[in-house]
Amino acid sequence: MQDYLNLMQNRSSIRAYTQEKISKENLEYILECARLSPSSLGLEPWKFLVFQKDEHKKEIAKIANNQSHVANCAAIIVVISRADFKDYFEEKLKKRGLSQEELNKRLQTYKPFLDAMDLEQSFIYAKEQSYLAIANIINAAYSLNLGSCIIGGFDKDKINQYLNLDTTKQRVSMLITLGHTQENISTEKVRFAFNEVVEFKD
């Protein structure tokens, strides 16, 4: 495993992969890092669908504006946002082993906040949480010397239809390609300077 700052300094989006498959062990490691990601109120409003067959990767690539690296990667992780978190919030909270007093306090505090969201607001909230898992996926992949690329350019209606999703409950948030990086790929990270994006206010 790599030092985290070193990982952040060197990881970049990869769009050219070898034909080598990703081992089941490494793929499960990446997905476990995603599963353990933090989320607001511990709702975990996500699901991860994994595609490795060439047929499916090519079909998804067509939906993703024919991006070649979507078809040629070793695996695609489709990150799903869930808007049905109101249905399981209370039961999930009960599993934390809280005292009845603390449980009631949290329900009184957070349930009105969740119940006030309409469907579109619920999906926005869920999608925001999914970004936390996405970051962990790509960084976990890099820690295993695997390349990745976050894909936001796709036809949202078509991908939801392709996956037969009930879009009142689940919608695709992002796609992530994974694979072994071609040796001749070289990237230089360009970022704003530290002082351009960070201000210490006190």
Protein backbone atom coordinates (compact mmCIF):
# COMPACT_ATOMS: atom_id res chain seq x y z
CA MET A 1 0.00 0.00 0.00
CA GLN A 2 1.10 3.57 -0.64
CA ASP A 3 1.39 6.65 1.56
CA TYR A 4 -1.89 8.55 1.09
CA LEU A 5 -0.41 11.92 0.11
CA ASN A 6 1.87 10.19 -2.38
CA LEU A 7 -1.19 8.44 -3.78
CA MET A 8 -3.00 11.74 -4.21
CA GLN A 9 0.00 13.38 -5.83
CA ASN A 10 0.42 10.63 -8.42
CA ARG A 11 -3.04 9.23 -9.17
CA SER A 12 -4.62 10.47 -12.40
CA SER A 13 -7.45 9.45 -14.72
CA ILE A 14 -6.45 6.61 -17.03
CA ARG A 15 -8.06 6.04 -20.42
CA ALA A 16 -5.75 3.40 -21.89
CA TYR A 17 -5.66 -0.10 -20.46
CA THR A 18 -3.98 -3.41 -21.19
CA GLN A 19 -6.06 -6.52 -21.84
CA GLU A 20 -5.16 -8.01 -18.45
CA LYS A 21 -8.09 -8.85 -16.20
CA ILE A 22 -8.42 -7.62 -12.63
CA SER A 23 -8.19 -10.38 -10.04
CA LYS A 24 -11.30 -11.16 -8.01
CA GLU A 25 -9.34 -10.37 -4.85
CA ASN A 26 -8.42 -6.87 -6.04
CA LEU A 27 -11.90 -6.14 -7.35
CA GLU A 28 -13.47 -7.18 -4.06
CA TYR A 29 -10.93 -5.08 -2.16
CA ILE A 30 -11.92 -1.99 -4.17
CA LEU A 31 -15.63 -2.68 -3.67
CA GLU A 32 -15.14 -3.25 0.06
CA CYS A 33 -13.49 0.18 0.27
CA ALA A 34 -16.56 1.57 -1.47
CA ARG A 35 -18.95 -0.26 0.86
CA LEU A 36 -17.20 1.13 3.94
CA SER A 37 -17.35 4.73 2.72
CA PRO A 38 -18.87 7.37 5.00
CA SER A 39 -22.27 8.87 4.23
CA SER A 40 -24.55 11.48 5.72
CA LEU A 41 -26.59 9.97 8.57
CA GLY A 42 -25.00 6.63 7.70
CA LEU A 43 -27.63 6.11 5.00
CA GLU A 44 -25.31 4.49 2.45
CA PRO A 45 -27.69 5.45 -0.38
CA TRP A 46 -25.83 3.56 -3.06
CA LYS A 47 -25.34 0.30 -4.87
CA PHE A 48 -22.46 -0.90 -7.05
CA LEU A 49 -22.97 -2.91 -10.24
CA VAL A 50 -19.91 -4.55 -11.78
CA PHE A 51 -19.56 -5.44 -15.47
CA GLN A 52 -16.60 -7.39 -16.86
CA LYS A 53 -17.91 -9.13 -20.00
CA ASP A 54 -16.90 -7.51 -23.30
CA GLU A 55 -20.47 -7.57 -24.57
CA HIS A 56 -21.78 -5.52 -21.68
CA LYS A 57 -18.83 -3.11 -21.69
CA LYS A 58 -19.40 -2.38 -25.38
CA GLU A 59 -23.12 -1.80 -24.82
CA ILE A 60 -22.43 0.56 -21.95
CA ALA A 61 -19.75 2.34 -23.99
CA LYS A 62 -22.35 3.15 -26.66
CA ILE A 63 -24.52 4.76 -23.98
CA ALA A 64 -21.43 6.63 -22.74
CA ASN A 65 -20.90 8.55 -25.98
CA ASN A 66 -18.83 5.74 -27.53
CA GLN A 67 -15.86 6.41 -25.26
CA SER A 68 -13.32 3.74 -26.19
CA HIS A 69 -11.87 3.29 -22.70
CA VAL A 70 -15.30 2.29 -21.42
CA ALA A 71 -15.35 -0.59 -23.89
CA ASN A 72 -11.68 -1.50 -23.43
CA CYS A 73 -11.31 -1.43 -19.65
CA ALA A 74 -11.16 -4.57 -17.51
CA ALA A 75 -14.23 -3.69 -15.48
CA ILE A 76 -16.91 -1.04 -15.17
CA ILE A 77 -18.39 -0.14 -11.82
CA VAL A 78 -21.78 1.52 -12.18
CA VAL A 79 -22.51 3.59 -9.09
CA ILE A 80 -26.22 3.75 -8.30
CA SER A 81 -27.83 6.46 -6.16
CA ARG A 82 -30.77 5.34 -4.03
CA ALA A 83 -33.63 7.68 -3.19
CA ASP A 84 -35.49 5.16 -1.01
CA PHE A 85 -33.44 5.91 2.12
CA LYS A 86 -36.52 7.21 3.95
CA ASP A 87 -37.87 3.66 3.88
CA TYR A 88 -34.96 2.17 5.81
CA PHE A 89 -33.58 5.11 7.83
CA GLU A 90 -35.30 4.19 11.11
CA GLU A 91 -34.48 0.48 10.95
CA LYS A 92 -30.87 1.23 10.09
CA LEU A 93 -30.63 3.65 12.99
CA LYS A 94 -31.98 1.02 15.39
CA LYS A 95 -29.13 -1.33 14.45
CA ARG A 96 -26.60 1.06 15.99
CA GLY A 97 -27.47 -0.07 19.49
CA LEU A 98 -28.45 3.40 20.70
CA SER A 99 -30.34 4.02 23.92
CA GLN A 100 -34.06 4.64 23.44
CA GLU A 101 -33.53 8.25 24.46
CA GLU A 102 -30.78 8.80 21.89
CA LEU A 103 -32.76 6.95 19.22
CA ASN A 104 -35.80 9.15 19.78
CA LYS A 105 -33.63 12.26 19.74
CA ARG A 106 -32.10 11.37 16.39
CA LEU A 107 -35.45 10.45 14.86
CA GLN A 108 -36.94 13.75 15.99
CA THR A 109 -33.95 15.64 14.61
CA TYR A 110 -33.35 13.93 11.27
CA LYS A 111 -36.62 12.33 10.15
CA PRO A 112 -38.36 15.68 9.40
CA PHE A 113 -35.27 16.73 7.40
CA LEU A 114 -35.48 13.59 5.26
CA ASP A 115 -39.27 13.58 4.95
CA ALA A 116 -39.23 17.15 3.65
CA MET A 117 -37.30 16.12 0.54
CA ASP A 118 -39.19 15.51 -2.67
CA LEU A 119 -37.98 12.84 -5.11
CA GLU A 120 -35.53 15.05 -7.00
CA GLN A 121 -34.08 16.47 -3.80
CA SER A 122 -33.67 12.93 -2.49
CA PHE A 123 -31.70 11.94 -5.58
CA ILE A 124 -29.49 15.02 -5.33
CA TYR A 125 -28.79 14.19 -1.68
CA ALA A 126 -28.04 10.54 -2.52
CA LYS A 127 -25.81 11.44 -5.45
CA GLU A 128 -23.77 13.75 -3.23
CA GLN A 129 -23.15 10.82 -0.90
CA SER A 130 -22.15 8.56 -3.78
CA TYR A 131 -19.21 10.85 -4.58
CA LEU A 132 -17.60 9.80 -1.29
CA ALA A 133 -17.71 6.16 -2.36
CA ILE A 134 -16.47 7.05 -5.84
CA ALA A 135 -13.40 8.76 -4.41
CA ASN A 136 -12.62 5.68 -2.35
CA ILE A 137 -13.02 3.42 -5.38
CA ILE A 138 -10.52 5.28 -7.53
CA ASN A 139 -8.01 5.74 -4.71
CA ALA A 140 -8.29 2.09 -3.65
CA ALA A 141 -7.68 1.09 -7.26
CA TYR A 142 -4.57 3.24 -7.48
CA SER A 143 -3.24 1.78 -4.23
CA LEU A 144 -3.32 -1.57 -6.06
CA ASN A 145 -1.49 -0.06 -9.07
CA LEU A 146 -4.68 -0.10 -11.13
CA GLY A 147 -5.91 2.73 -13.33
CA SER A 148 -9.37 4.24 -13.21
CA CYS A 149 -11.48 6.94 -14.78
CA ILE A 150 -14.72 8.51 -13.56
CA ILE A 151 -17.29 8.76 -16.36
CA GLY A 152 -20.01 11.39 -16.16
CA GLY A 153 -20.64 11.64 -19.89
CA PHE A 154 -23.46 9.22 -20.64
CA ASP A 155 -27.14 9.27 -21.58
CA LYS A 156 -28.83 9.12 -18.18
CA ASP A 157 -32.19 7.89 -19.44
CA LYS A 158 -30.64 5.19 -21.61
CA ILE A 159 -28.33 3.84 -18.89
CA ASN A 160 -31.19 3.67 -16.40
CA GLN A 161 -33.29 1.83 -19.00
CA TYR A 162 -30.42 -0.51 -19.87
CA LEU A 163 -30.16 -1.52 -16.22
CA ASN A 164 -33.95 -1.79 -15.83
CA LEU A 165 -33.90 0.57 -12.85
CA ASP A 166 -37.01 1.80 -11.10
CA THR A 167 -36.10 5.48 -11.42
CA THR A 168 -38.38 6.44 -8.55
CA LYS A 169 -35.93 4.55 -6.33
CA GLN A 170 -32.60 4.16 -8.15
CA ARG A 171 -30.66 6.07 -10.80
CA VAL A 172 -27.12 5.90 -12.14
CA SER A 173 -24.81 8.42 -10.54
CA MET A 174 -21.50 7.74 -12.30
CA LEU A 175 -19.55 5.05 -14.14
CA ILE A 176 -15.99 4.11 -13.24
CA THR A 177 -13.63 2.26 -15.55
CA LEU A 178 -10.89 0.09 -14.05
CA GLY A 179 -7.92 -1.68 -15.56
CA HIS A 180 -4.20 -2.24 -15.71
CA THR A 181 -2.49 0.88 -17.04
CA GLN A 182 -0.52 0.75 -20.24
CA GLU A 183 3.19 1.17 -19.45
CA ASN A 184 3.68 4.06 -21.86
CA ILE A 185 1.01 6.21 -20.22
CA SER A 186 2.50 9.25 -18.51
CA THR A 187 0.49 12.06 -16.94
CA GLU A 188 1.48 15.22 -15.10
CA LYS A 189 -0.86 16.48 -12.41
CA VAL A 190 -1.81 20.15 -12.70
CA ARG A 191 -3.58 21.73 -9.75
CA PHE A 192 -4.12 25.21 -8.32
CA ALA A 193 -1.46 26.16 -5.78
CA PHE A 194 -2.21 25.40 -2.12
CA ASN A 195 -2.64 29.08 -1.24
CA GLU A 196 -5.06 29.58 -4.13
CA VAL A 197 -7.61 27.14 -2.74
CA VAL A 198 -6.95 27.16 1.03
CA GLU A 199 -7.63 30.04 3.44
CA PHE A 200 -7.04 29.84 7.18
CA LYS A 201 -9.64 32.16 8.67
CA ASP A 202 -8.49 32.07 12.31
